[in-house]
């Protein structure tokens, strides 16, 4: 497994997201319900940064057309998105948030 530090605990407030470029990928780190999730940062419907969206009920909302994506699975929960965003495995060790690319 290729675990890489993407952020630190305390860097992202509850129900907030952080956009990060890591190894040439545009990623978003989401913090909600005491957990961290990492997805691709680009909406699958149209170019928009999911890290600029709102988090609600375990989903992130695209700021452009309000498509909702499940943070655990990446599956779209509302139109206009029909394709899932990629999700990545995350773990916390100490104060480091690590992602498996």
C-alpha atoms as a PDB file:
ATOM      1  CA  UNK A   1       0.000   0.000   0.000  1.00  0.00           C
ATOM      2  CA  UNK A   2       1.123   3.501  -0.788  1.00  0.00           C
ATOM      3  CA  UNK A   3       0.109   5.571   2.269  1.00  0.00           C
ATOM      4  CA  UNK A   4       0.896   9.269   1.900  1.00  0.00           C
ATOM      5  CA  UNK A   5       0.314  12.131   4.325  1.00  0.00           C
ATOM      6  CA  UNK A   6      -2.362  14.403   2.866  1.00  0.00           C
ATOM      7  CA  UNK A   7      -3.244  16.638   5.839  1.00  0.00           C
ATOM      8  CA  UNK A   8      -3.147  16.857   9.616  1.00  0.00           C
ATOM      9  CA  UNK A   9      -5.875  16.482  12.209  1.00  0.00           C
ATOM     10  CA  UNK A  10      -7.095  19.942  13.177  1.00  0.00           C
ATOM     11  CA  UNK A  11      -6.273  21.372   9.753  1.00  0.00           C
ATOM     12  CA  UNK A  12      -9.837  20.779   8.515  1.00  0.00           C
ATOM     13  CA  UNK A  13     -12.830  21.879  10.580  1.00  0.00           C
ATOM     14  CA  UNK A  14     -15.851  19.608  11.041  1.00  0.00           C
ATOM     15  CA  UNK A  15     -18.114  19.644   7.939  1.00  0.00           C
ATOM     16  CA  UNK A  16     -15.414  21.311   5.861  1.00  0.00           C
ATOM     17  CA  UNK A  17     -13.209  20.184   2.960  1.00  0.00           C
ATOM     18  CA  UNK A  18      -9.687  20.908   1.802  1.00  0.00           C
ATOM     19  CA  UNK A  19      -8.451  20.741  -1.782  1.00  0.00           C
ATOM     20  CA  UNK A  20      -5.017  19.134  -2.183  1.00  0.00           C
ATOM     21  CA  UNK A  21      -2.846  18.281  -5.177  1.00  0.00           C
ATOM     22  CA  UNK A  22      -0.937  15.090  -4.487  1.00  0.00           C
ATOM     23  CA  UNK A  23       1.135  13.100  -6.985  1.00  0.00           C
ATOM     24  CA  UNK A  24      -0.538  14.957  -9.857  1.00  0.00           C
ATOM     25  CA  UNK A  25      -4.066  14.234  -8.620  1.00  0.00           C
ATOM     26  CA  UNK A  26      -6.637  16.825  -7.562  1.00  0.00           C
ATOM     27  CA  UNK A  27      -8.027  15.456  -4.280  1.00  0.00           C
ATOM     28  CA  UNK A  28     -10.435  16.694  -1.615  1.00  0.00           C
ATOM     29  CA  UNK A  29     -10.141  15.790   2.061  1.00  0.00           C
ATOM     30  CA  UNK A  30     -13.537  15.948   3.774  1.00  0.00           C
ATOM     31  CA  UNK A  31     -14.129  15.980   7.553  1.00  0.00           C
ATOM     32  CA  UNK A  32     -17.564  15.078   8.877  1.00  0.00           C
ATOM     33  CA  UNK A  33     -19.028  13.132  11.774  1.00  0.00           C
ATOM     34  CA  UNK A  34     -15.543  12.825  13.258  1.00  0.00           C
ATOM     35  CA  UNK A  35     -14.207  10.974  10.209  1.00  0.00           C
ATOM     36  CA  UNK A  36     -12.045  11.896   7.240  1.00  0.00           C
ATOM     37  CA  UNK A  37     -12.772  10.983   3.640  1.00  0.00           C
ATOM     38  CA  UNK A  38     -10.766  11.569   0.464  1.00  0.00           C
ATOM     39  CA  UNK A  39     -12.311  11.827  -2.995  1.00  0.00           C
ATOM     40  CA  UNK A  40     -11.269  13.178  -6.348  1.00  0.00           C
ATOM     41  CA  UNK A  41     -11.805  16.921  -6.151  1.00  0.00           C
ATOM     42  CA  UNK A  42     -13.392  17.363  -9.579  1.00  0.00           C
ATOM     43  CA  UNK A  43     -17.134  16.817 -10.022  1.00  0.00           C
ATOM     44  CA  UNK A  44     -17.927  14.129 -12.598  1.00  0.00           C
ATOM     45  CA  UNK A  45     -20.746  16.212 -14.114  1.00  0.00           C
ATOM     46  CA  UNK A  46     -18.893  19.420 -14.954  1.00  0.00           C
ATOM     47  CA  UNK A  47     -15.617  20.967 -13.824  1.00  0.00           C
ATOM     48  CA  UNK A  48     -16.098  22.224 -10.285  1.00  0.00           C
ATOM     49  CA  UNK A  49     -14.087  21.692  -7.122  1.00  0.00           C
ATOM     50  CA  UNK A  50     -15.889  19.522  -4.591  1.00  0.00           C
ATOM     51  CA  UNK A  51     -13.694  21.027  -1.882  1.00  0.00           C
ATOM     52  CA  UNK A  52     -15.693  24.246  -2.448  1.00  0.00           C
ATOM     53  CA  UNK A  53     -18.975  22.404  -1.819  1.00  0.00           C
ATOM     54  CA  UNK A  54     -21.078  21.863   1.281  1.00  0.00           C
ATOM     55  CA  UNK A  55     -21.087  18.713   3.401  1.00  0.00           C
ATOM     56  CA  UNK A  56     -24.412  17.403   4.625  1.00  0.00           C
ATOM     57  CA  UNK A  57     -25.701  13.969   5.705  1.00  0.00           C
ATOM     58  CA  UNK A  58     -22.499  12.149   4.718  1.00  0.00           C
ATOM     59  CA  UNK A  59     -22.428  13.723   1.250  1.00  0.00           C
ATOM     60  CA  UNK A  60     -20.590  16.559  -0.446  1.00  0.00           C
ATOM     61  CA  UNK A  61     -22.571  18.903  -2.676  1.00  0.00           C
ATOM     62  CA  UNK A  62     -21.002  20.234  -5.859  1.00  0.00           C
ATOM     63  CA  UNK A  63     -20.980  24.049  -5.732  1.00  0.00           C
ATOM     64  CA  UNK A  64     -21.847  24.394  -9.421  1.00  0.00           C
ATOM     65  CA  UNK A  65     -25.053  22.385  -9.976  1.00  0.00           C
ATOM     66  CA  UNK A  66     -25.702  20.896  -6.506  1.00  0.00           C
ATOM     67  CA  UNK A  67     -25.062  17.252  -7.401  1.00  0.00           C
ATOM     68  CA  UNK A  68     -24.545  15.258  -4.185  1.00  0.00           C
ATOM     69  CA  UNK A  69     -21.902  12.529  -3.784  1.00  0.00           C
ATOM     70  CA  UNK A  70     -21.751   9.966  -0.965  1.00  0.00           C
ATOM     71  CA  UNK A  71     -18.416  10.418   0.824  1.00  0.00           C
ATOM     72  CA  UNK A  72     -18.094   6.695   1.612  1.00  0.00           C
ATOM     73  CA  UNK A  73     -18.815   5.306  -1.851  1.00  0.00           C
ATOM     74  CA  UNK A  74     -18.488   8.238  -4.262  1.00  0.00           C
ATOM     75  CA  UNK A  75     -21.910   7.395  -5.708  1.00  0.00           C
ATOM     76  CA  UNK A  76     -24.018  10.310  -6.949  1.00  0.00           C
ATOM     77  CA  UNK A  77     -27.117  10.842  -4.806  1.00  0.00           C
ATOM     78  CA  UNK A  78     -28.766  13.494  -6.977  1.00  0.00           C
ATOM     79  CA  UNK A  79     -28.834  14.857 -10.513  1.00  0.00           C
ATOM     80  CA  UNK A  80     -27.267  16.140 -12.603  1.00  0.00           C
ATOM     81  CA  UNK A  81     -24.299  13.847 -11.815  1.00  0.00           C
ATOM     82  CA  UNK A  82     -24.625  10.240 -12.968  1.00  0.00           C
ATOM     83  CA  UNK A  83     -21.012   9.046 -12.578  1.00  0.00           C
ATOM     84  CA  UNK A  84     -19.394   8.439  -9.164  1.00  0.00           C
ATOM     85  CA  UNK A  85     -16.296  10.259  -7.941  1.00  0.00           C
ATOM     86  CA  UNK A  86     -13.367   8.100  -6.963  1.00  0.00           C
ATOM     87  CA  UNK A  87     -12.890   7.578  -3.231  1.00  0.00           C
ATOM     88  CA  UNK A  88      -9.617   6.643  -1.556  1.00  0.00           C
ATOM     89  CA  UNK A  89      -8.832   4.669   1.590  1.00  0.00           C
ATOM     90  CA  UNK A  90      -7.953   6.914   4.541  1.00  0.00           C
ATOM     91  CA  UNK A  91      -6.434   6.333   7.965  1.00  0.00           C
ATOM     92  CA  UNK A  92      -5.314   8.558  10.814  1.00  0.00           C
ATOM     93  CA  UNK A  93      -2.032   7.889  12.613  1.00  0.00           C
ATOM     94  CA  UNK A  94      -1.331  10.303  15.445  1.00  0.00           C
ATOM     95  CA  UNK A  95      -2.127  13.698  13.973  1.00  0.00           C
ATOM     96  CA  UNK A  96      -1.466  12.701  10.371  1.00  0.00           C
ATOM     97  CA  UNK A  97      -4.223  11.960   7.850  1.00  0.00           C
ATOM     98  CA  UNK A  98      -2.937   9.402   5.355  1.00  0.00           C
ATOM     99  CA  UNK A  99      -4.407   8.397   2.018  1.00  0.00           C
ATOM    100  CA  UNK A 100      -3.762   5.239   0.037  1.00  0.00           C
ATOM    101  CA  UNK A 101      -3.304   6.146  -3.614  1.00  0.00           C
END
